N, C-alpha and C. Protein backbone atom coordinates (compact mmCIF):
# COMPACT_ATOMS: atom_id res chain seq x y z
N MET A 1 0.77 -1.33 0.09
CA MET A 1 -0.03 0.35 -0.09
C MET A 1 1.14 1.14 0.02
N LYS A 2 0.82 2.82 -0.59
CA LYS A 2 1.21 3.85 -0.61
C LYS A 2 1.02 4.38 0.08
N LYS A 3 1.79 5.18 0.34
CA LYS A 3 1.53 6.44 1.92
C LYS A 3 2.27 7.33 1.40
N ASP A 4 0.77 8.35 1.67
CA ASP A 4 0.93 9.77 1.47
C ASP A 4 0.87 10.84 3.08
N PHE A 5 1.22 12.22 2.33
CA PHE A 5 1.63 13.02 4.11
C PHE A 5 0.93 14.40 3.15
N SER A 6 0.34 14.52 4.39
CA SER A 6 0.26 16.11 4.20
C SER A 6 -0.21 17.07 5.61
N TYR A 7 0.27 17.92 5.11
CA TYR A 7 0.20 18.54 6.73
C TYR A 7 -0.69 20.49 5.92
N GLY A 8 -1.33 20.51 7.30
CA GLY A 8 -2.03 21.62 7.09
C GLY A 8 -2.53 22.42 8.30
N ILE A 9 -2.81 23.29 8.10
CA ILE A 9 -3.38 24.60 9.05
C ILE A 9 -4.85 24.64 9.56
N ILE A 10 -5.25 24.33 10.98
CA ILE A 10 -6.77 24.67 11.49
C ILE A 10 -6.70 25.99 11.42
N PRO A 11 -7.19 26.88 10.36
CA PRO A 11 -7.45 28.06 11.31
C PRO A 11 -8.24 29.12 11.47
N VAL A 12 -7.70 29.82 12.70
CA VAL A 12 -9.00 30.44 13.70
C VAL A 12 -8.46 31.64 13.57
N TYR A 13 -9.83 32.33 13.64
CA TYR A 13 -10.12 33.71 13.67
C TYR A 13 -11.21 34.30 15.03
N LYS A 14 -9.98 35.33 15.84
CA LYS A 14 -10.93 35.35 16.95
C LYS A 14 -11.34 37.15 16.62
N ASP A 15 -11.93 37.45 16.99
CA ASP A 15 -12.65 38.55 16.86
C ASP A 15 -12.17 39.56 17.92
N LEU A 16 -12.70 40.75 17.68
CA LEU A 16 -12.75 41.64 19.56
C LEU A 16 -13.53 41.18 20.13
N ASP A 17 -15.03 40.89 20.18
CA ASP A 17 -15.60 40.19 21.41
C ASP A 17 -15.40 38.36 21.62
N GLY A 18 -13.91 38.09 20.94
CA GLY A 18 -14.21 36.52 21.42
C GLY A 18 -14.81 35.49 20.94
N ASN A 19 -15.61 36.22 19.70
CA ASN A 19 -15.95 34.75 18.97
C ASN A 19 -14.62 34.09 18.13
N ILE A 20 -15.25 32.70 17.87
CA ILE A 20 -13.69 32.18 17.40
C ILE A 20 -14.45 31.44 16.14
N GLU A 21 -13.98 32.00 15.08
CA GLU A 21 -14.35 30.87 13.96
C GLU A 21 -12.82 30.17 13.13
N PHE A 22 -13.35 29.53 12.57
CA PHE A 22 -12.95 28.24 11.74
C PHE A 22 -13.16 28.86 10.36
N LEU A 23 -11.64 28.55 9.86
CA LEU A 23 -11.74 28.98 8.35
C LEU A 23 -11.78 27.19 7.73
N LEU A 24 -12.51 27.09 6.89
CA LEU A 24 -12.88 25.96 6.12
C LEU A 24 -12.99 25.84 4.40
N ILE A 25 -12.22 24.96 3.91
CA ILE A 25 -11.90 24.99 2.27
C ILE A 25 -12.88 23.63 1.59
N ASN A 26 -13.40 23.78 0.78
CA ASN A 26 -13.93 22.35 -0.36
C ASN A 26 -12.72 22.71 -1.38
N GLN A 27 -11.89 21.17 -1.32
CA GLN A 27 -11.46 21.33 -2.36
C GLN A 27 -11.50 20.06 -3.10
N ILE A 28 -11.29 20.65 -4.60
CA ILE A 28 -11.57 19.76 -5.42
C ILE A 28 -10.36 18.37 -5.87
N THR A 29 -10.75 16.98 -5.88
CA THR A 29 -9.81 16.28 -6.09
C THR A 29 -10.68 15.10 -7.20
N ASN A 30 -10.08 14.10 -7.33
CA ASN A 30 -10.59 13.36 -8.73
C ASN A 30 -11.76 12.49 -8.03
N LYS A 31 -11.98 12.39 -6.44
CA LYS A 31 -12.74 11.94 -5.81
C LYS A 31 -14.45 12.52 -5.59
N GLY A 32 -14.04 14.33 -6.52
CA GLY A 32 -15.30 15.22 -5.84
C GLY A 32 -14.57 16.50 -4.99
N SER A 33 -15.67 17.40 -4.53
CA SER A 33 -15.12 17.96 -3.48
C SER A 33 -15.59 17.86 -2.02
N PHE A 34 -14.67 18.09 -0.95
CA PHE A 34 -14.87 17.69 -0.08
C PHE A 34 -14.46 18.92 0.81
N TRP A 35 -14.98 19.38 2.00
CA TRP A 35 -15.05 20.11 2.92
C TRP A 35 -13.86 20.16 4.70
N TRP A 36 -12.82 20.37 4.21
CA TRP A 36 -11.74 20.03 5.27
C TRP A 36 -10.56 21.54 5.89
N PHE A 37 -10.20 21.29 6.41
CA PHE A 37 -9.25 22.38 6.61
C PHE A 37 -7.92 22.25 5.47
N PRO A 38 -7.32 23.54 5.25
CA PRO A 38 -6.23 23.42 4.51
C PRO A 38 -5.03 22.60 5.23
N LYS A 39 -4.57 22.00 3.59
CA LYS A 39 -3.18 21.01 3.85
C LYS A 39 -2.92 20.86 2.76
N TRP A 40 -1.60 20.36 2.58
CA TRP A 40 -1.02 19.89 1.01
C TRP A 40 0.57 19.04 1.41
N HIS A 41 0.99 18.96 0.28
CA HIS A 41 2.23 18.46 0.85
C HIS A 41 3.80 19.37 0.86
N ALA A 42 4.52 18.55 1.59
CA ALA A 42 5.76 19.18 1.63
C ALA A 42 6.96 19.39 0.27
N GLU A 43 7.46 20.12 -0.52
CA GLU A 43 8.25 19.49 -0.74
C GLU A 43 9.50 18.93 0.11
N GLU A 44 10.18 18.81 -1.46
CA GLU A 44 11.63 18.09 -0.59
C GLU A 44 12.64 18.35 0.39
N ASN A 45 12.61 17.94 1.52
CA ASN A 45 14.04 18.79 2.44
C ASN A 45 13.26 19.81 3.13
N GLU A 46 11.74 19.53 3.21
CA GLU A 46 10.89 20.82 3.56
C GLU A 46 10.43 20.37 4.72
N ASP A 47 10.36 20.70 6.09
CA ASP A 47 9.81 20.17 7.56
C ASP A 47 8.27 20.19 7.24
N TRP A 48 7.97 19.77 8.58
CA TRP A 48 6.26 19.51 8.40
C TRP A 48 5.51 21.01 8.26
N LEU A 49 5.92 21.84 9.94
CA LEU A 49 5.27 22.47 9.72
C LEU A 49 5.87 23.99 8.75
N THR A 50 6.79 23.46 8.23
CA THR A 50 7.04 24.33 7.13
C THR A 50 6.91 24.42 6.02
N ALA A 51 6.36 23.42 5.74
CA ALA A 51 5.19 22.74 4.95
C ALA A 51 3.87 23.50 5.12
N ALA A 52 3.73 22.94 6.01
CA ALA A 52 2.14 23.78 6.42
C ALA A 52 1.81 25.16 6.18
N LYS A 53 2.46 25.99 6.56
CA LYS A 53 2.36 27.16 7.01
C LYS A 53 2.61 27.66 4.90
N ARG A 54 3.74 26.95 4.69
CA ARG A 54 4.50 27.86 3.30
C ARG A 54 3.04 27.32 2.36
N GLU A 55 1.92 26.07 2.61
CA GLU A 55 1.17 25.79 2.02
C GLU A 55 -0.24 26.88 1.52
N PHE A 56 -0.29 26.84 3.44
CA PHE A 56 -1.40 28.08 3.65
C PHE A 56 -1.48 29.10 2.93
N SER A 57 -0.22 30.23 3.21
CA SER A 57 0.23 30.94 2.56
C SER A 57 0.14 30.99 1.11
N GLU A 58 0.32 30.03 0.51
CA GLU A 58 0.20 29.61 -1.46
C GLU A 58 -0.90 29.52 -1.83
N GLU A 59 -1.81 28.64 -0.90
CA GLU A 59 -3.48 28.55 -1.57
C GLU A 59 -4.03 29.04 -0.77
N VAL A 60 -4.44 29.69 0.78
CA VAL A 60 -5.29 30.32 1.02
C VAL A 60 -5.07 32.08 0.85
N GLY A 61 -3.50 32.57 0.46
CA GLY A 61 -3.48 33.67 0.79
C GLY A 61 -3.11 34.46 2.24
N ILE A 62 -2.61 33.55 2.86
CA ILE A 62 -2.92 34.75 4.19
C ILE A 62 -1.46 34.06 4.27
N ASP A 63 -0.50 35.39 5.35
CA ASP A 63 0.76 34.85 5.73
C ASP A 63 1.31 35.28 7.45
N ASP A 64 0.13 35.82 7.72
CA ASP A 64 0.26 36.47 9.18
C ASP A 64 -0.68 35.23 9.86
N LEU A 65 0.85 34.29 10.25
CA LEU A 65 -0.53 33.27 11.43
C LEU A 65 0.38 33.10 12.45
N LYS A 66 -0.15 32.76 13.97
CA LYS A 66 1.05 32.32 14.90
C LYS A 66 0.26 31.48 15.51
N ILE A 67 1.09 29.84 15.15
CA ILE A 67 1.08 28.40 16.31
C ILE A 67 0.70 28.88 17.08
N ILE A 68 -0.73 28.09 17.58
CA ILE A 68 -0.92 28.08 18.97
C ILE A 68 -0.73 26.42 19.93
N GLY A 69 0.55 26.95 20.71
CA GLY A 69 1.06 25.88 21.23
C GLY A 69 2.39 24.96 20.79
N ASP A 70 1.73 23.69 21.13
CA ASP A 70 3.35 23.18 19.98
C ASP A 70 2.39 21.56 20.16
N LYS A 71 1.03 21.25 20.76
CA LYS A 71 0.66 20.24 19.80
C LYS A 71 0.55 20.62 18.42
N ASN A 72 0.53 19.04 17.78
CA ASN A 72 -0.11 19.12 15.99
C ASN A 72 -1.31 18.28 16.42
N PHE A 73 -2.13 17.94 15.52
CA PHE A 73 -3.04 17.00 15.09
C PHE A 73 -2.90 15.92 13.75
N ILE A 74 -3.10 14.88 14.56
CA ILE A 74 -2.78 13.91 13.37
C ILE A 74 -3.97 12.88 13.08
N THR A 75 -4.75 13.17 11.45
CA THR A 75 -5.73 12.00 11.24
C THR A 75 -5.01 10.83 10.36
N ASN A 76 -5.32 9.58 9.93
CA ASN A 76 -5.47 8.91 8.98
C ASN A 76 -6.54 7.91 8.15
N TYR A 77 -6.21 8.37 7.12
CA TYR A 77 -7.37 7.59 6.42
C TYR A 77 -6.57 6.95 5.40
N THR A 78 -7.57 6.01 4.59
CA THR A 78 -7.59 5.22 3.66
C THR A 78 -7.79 5.66 2.45
N PHE A 79 -7.61 5.27 0.87
CA PHE A 79 -8.57 6.27 0.00
C PHE A 79 -8.20 5.26 -1.27
N GLN A 80 -8.15 5.07 -2.42
CA GLN A 80 -8.30 4.48 -3.79
C GLN A 80 -8.44 5.74 -4.31
N GLU A 81 -7.15 5.25 -5.34
CA GLU A 81 -6.69 6.34 -6.19
C GLU A 81 -6.27 4.88 -7.89
N GLY A 82 -7.03 5.07 -8.73
CA GLY A 82 -7.33 4.11 -9.69
C GLY A 82 -7.35 2.59 -9.54
N LYS A 83 -6.18 2.14 -9.29
CA LYS A 83 -6.01 0.44 -8.72
C LYS A 83 -5.12 0.16 -6.81
N GLU A 84 -4.69 0.99 -7.44
CA GLU A 84 -4.08 1.52 -5.89
C GLU A 84 -4.73 1.67 -4.58
N LYS A 85 -4.22 1.45 -3.15
CA LYS A 85 -5.27 1.98 -2.36
C LYS A 85 -4.08 2.98 -1.59
N ILE A 86 -4.49 4.04 -0.87
CA ILE A 86 -3.36 5.14 -0.88
C ILE A 86 -3.48 4.86 0.47
N TYR A 87 -2.75 5.33 1.93
CA TYR A 87 -3.00 5.46 2.97
C TYR A 87 -2.36 6.55 3.61
N LYS A 88 -3.31 7.51 3.83
CA LYS A 88 -2.94 8.89 3.75
C LYS A 88 -3.05 9.29 5.55
N THR A 89 -1.42 10.66 5.55
CA THR A 89 -0.95 10.93 7.01
C THR A 89 -1.17 12.44 6.86
N VAL A 90 -2.12 12.78 7.91
CA VAL A 90 -2.24 13.85 7.54
C VAL A 90 -1.82 14.69 9.03
N THR A 91 -0.81 15.89 8.96
CA THR A 91 -0.72 16.29 10.11
C THR A 91 -1.13 18.05 10.32
N TYR A 92 -1.99 18.53 11.20
CA TYR A 92 -2.59 19.43 11.39
C TYR A 92 -1.97 20.40 12.44
N TRP A 93 -1.55 22.08 12.99
CA TRP A 93 -0.93 22.97 13.79
C TRP A 93 -2.49 24.34 13.76
N LEU A 94 -2.54 24.33 14.71
CA LEU A 94 -3.80 24.93 14.95
C LEU A 94 -2.99 26.68 15.23
N ALA A 95 -3.91 27.23 14.63
CA ALA A 95 -3.22 28.42 14.04
C ALA A 95 -4.24 29.86 14.30
N PHE A 96 -3.48 31.14 15.08
CA PHE A 96 -4.20 32.15 14.60
C PHE A 96 -4.17 32.90 13.82
N VAL A 97 -4.98 33.82 13.12
CA VAL A 97 -4.68 34.18 12.16
C VAL A 97 -5.84 35.86 11.72
N LYS A 98 -4.99 36.96 12.06
CA LYS A 98 -4.86 38.13 11.69
C LYS A 98 -6.28 38.24 10.94
N THR A 99 -6.84 38.36 10.28
CA THR A 99 -7.55 38.52 8.77
C THR A 99 -8.78 37.22 8.61
N LYS A 100 -9.90 37.49 8.07
CA LYS A 100 -10.54 37.03 7.00
C LYS A 100 -10.81 37.22 5.77
N GLU A 101 -9.85 37.49 5.40
CA GLU A 101 -9.89 38.08 3.62
C GLU A 101 -8.61 36.77 3.30
N VAL A 102 -9.34 35.95 2.66
CA VAL A 102 -9.04 34.73 1.36
C VAL A 102 -8.79 34.83 0.61
N LYS A 103 -7.13 34.69 -0.43
CA LYS A 103 -7.21 34.63 -1.66
C LYS A 103 -7.03 33.18 -2.73
N THR A 104 -8.55 32.83 -2.50
CA THR A 104 -7.68 31.29 -3.23
C THR A 104 -7.07 31.13 -4.50
N GLN A 105 -6.70 30.15 -4.77
CA GLN A 105 -6.21 29.54 -5.82
C GLN A 105 -7.40 28.43 -6.47
N LYS A 106 -7.61 29.32 -7.56
CA LYS A 106 -9.45 28.58 -7.79
C LYS A 106 -8.91 26.86 -8.55
N SER A 107 -7.29 27.11 -9.07
CA SER A 107 -7.72 25.21 -9.51
C SER A 107 -7.58 24.59 -9.08
N GLU A 108 -7.78 24.92 -7.20
CA GLU A 108 -7.03 23.98 -6.40
C GLU A 108 -8.87 23.83 -5.07
N LEU A 109 -9.30 24.77 -5.32
CA LEU A 109 -10.17 25.03 -3.79
C LEU A 109 -11.84 26.00 -4.92
N ASN A 110 -12.79 25.10 -4.69
CA ASN A 110 -13.96 25.24 -5.05
C ASN A 110 -15.03 26.80 -4.59
N TRP A 111 -14.92 26.35 -2.79
CA TRP A 111 -15.12 27.33 -1.67
C TRP A 111 -14.52 27.38 -0.46
N TYR A 112 -14.65 28.54 0.04
CA TYR A 112 -14.25 28.50 1.52
C TYR A 112 -15.15 29.57 2.57
N LYS A 113 -14.92 29.14 3.49
CA LYS A 113 -16.08 29.57 4.40
C LYS A 113 -15.68 29.59 6.05
N TRP A 114 -15.95 30.63 6.58
CA TRP A 114 -15.25 30.68 7.83
C TRP A 114 -17.02 30.24 8.38
N ALA A 115 -16.56 29.61 9.90
CA ALA A 115 -17.53 29.31 10.50
C ALA A 115 -17.34 28.99 12.07
N ASN A 116 -18.02 29.18 12.80
CA ASN A 116 -18.23 28.94 14.36
C ASN A 116 -18.14 27.54 14.45
N PHE A 117 -17.90 27.04 15.82
CA PHE A 117 -17.25 25.99 15.94
C PHE A 117 -18.15 24.51 15.71
N GLU A 118 -19.86 25.04 16.46
CA GLU A 118 -21.65 24.25 15.49
C GLU A 118 -20.92 24.04 14.08
N ASN A 119 -20.77 25.24 13.73
CA ASN A 119 -21.44 25.16 12.44
C ASN A 119 -20.12 24.34 11.40
N SER A 120 -18.94 24.44 12.10
CA SER A 120 -17.91 23.88 11.93
C SER A 120 -18.08 22.75 11.30
N LEU A 121 -18.56 21.76 12.47
CA LEU A 121 -18.69 20.64 12.88
C LEU A 121 -19.87 20.01 11.30
N ASN A 122 -21.02 20.97 11.09
CA ASN A 122 -22.15 20.89 10.25
C ASN A 122 -22.03 20.29 8.73
N VAL A 123 -20.16 21.34 8.63
CA VAL A 123 -19.55 21.39 7.05
C VAL A 123 -18.84 20.31 7.24
N LEU A 124 -18.07 20.53 7.85
CA LEU A 124 -17.07 19.51 7.46
C LEU A 124 -17.14 17.63 7.46
N THR A 125 -16.64 17.37 6.28
CA THR A 125 -17.69 15.99 5.33
C THR A 125 -17.29 15.04 6.63
N HIS A 126 -15.72 14.76 6.73
CA HIS A 126 -15.28 13.38 7.01
C HIS A 126 -15.17 13.35 9.02
N GLU A 127 -15.68 12.83 9.23
CA GLU A 127 -15.73 12.04 11.00
C GLU A 127 -14.53 12.84 11.66
N ASN A 128 -13.41 12.38 10.81
CA ASN A 128 -11.90 12.03 11.23
C ASN A 128 -11.58 13.78 11.06
N THR A 129 -12.01 14.34 10.29
CA THR A 129 -11.72 15.90 10.06
C THR A 129 -13.09 17.12 11.68
N LYS A 130 -13.54 16.09 11.71
CA LYS A 130 -15.19 16.65 12.65
C LYS A 130 -14.33 16.20 14.60
N ASN A 131 -13.68 15.57 13.84
CA ASN A 131 -13.11 14.45 15.23
C ASN A 131 -11.80 15.62 15.92
N ILE A 132 -10.43 16.10 14.77
CA ILE A 132 -9.93 16.91 14.90
C ILE A 132 -10.61 18.20 15.62
N LEU A 133 -11.55 18.35 14.56
CA LEU A 133 -11.43 20.01 15.02
C LEU A 133 -12.44 19.93 16.47
N LYS A 134 -12.73 18.93 17.32
CA LYS A 134 -13.14 18.59 18.72
C LYS A 134 -11.76 18.41 19.85
N GLU A 135 -10.72 17.87 19.06
CA GLU A 135 -9.76 17.86 20.20
C GLU A 135 -9.32 19.59 19.91
N ALA A 136 -8.68 20.01 18.57
CA ALA A 136 -8.67 21.32 18.58
C ALA A 136 -9.02 22.41 19.80
N ILE A 137 -9.88 22.30 19.65
CA ILE A 137 -11.26 23.56 20.39
C ILE A 137 -10.74 23.46 21.88
N LYS A 138 -10.39 22.72 22.14
CA LYS A 138 -9.93 22.39 24.00
C LYS A 138 -8.46 23.08 24.32
N GLU A 139 -7.72 23.15 23.35
CA GLU A 139 -5.97 24.09 22.87
C GLU A 139 -6.78 25.90 23.07
N LEU A 140 -7.44 25.94 22.57
CA LEU A 140 -7.92 27.66 22.60
C LEU A 140 -8.75 27.83 23.89
């Protein structure tokens, strides 16, 4: 079985009243489109956190982020690509962002939305991503 690794950010925006929202993206894949947190692959010789920050900046256009704590959140799943079964590991870091202004790369993302915790649980496509959010909210 082939292994695949991605690294991402769970973006958190906190307004002046203390309300918290998460950035969710609808990403285009060969299996359809899915709501999850921004995540992508590392480049050769790039450490995981650097990859997550770089890709986040490139894909959603937000450069100013602050990682919250030193905990990361890991999820695993399998999927089929052609005749090959892929075992995927995704590592996320929770981060505060100072803006909600998103500039997406349309070739990779359909839509995005900012949502509070409850709405995020309703929008996220996969249970494993919902479980990551449930763990992450404990760190805020």
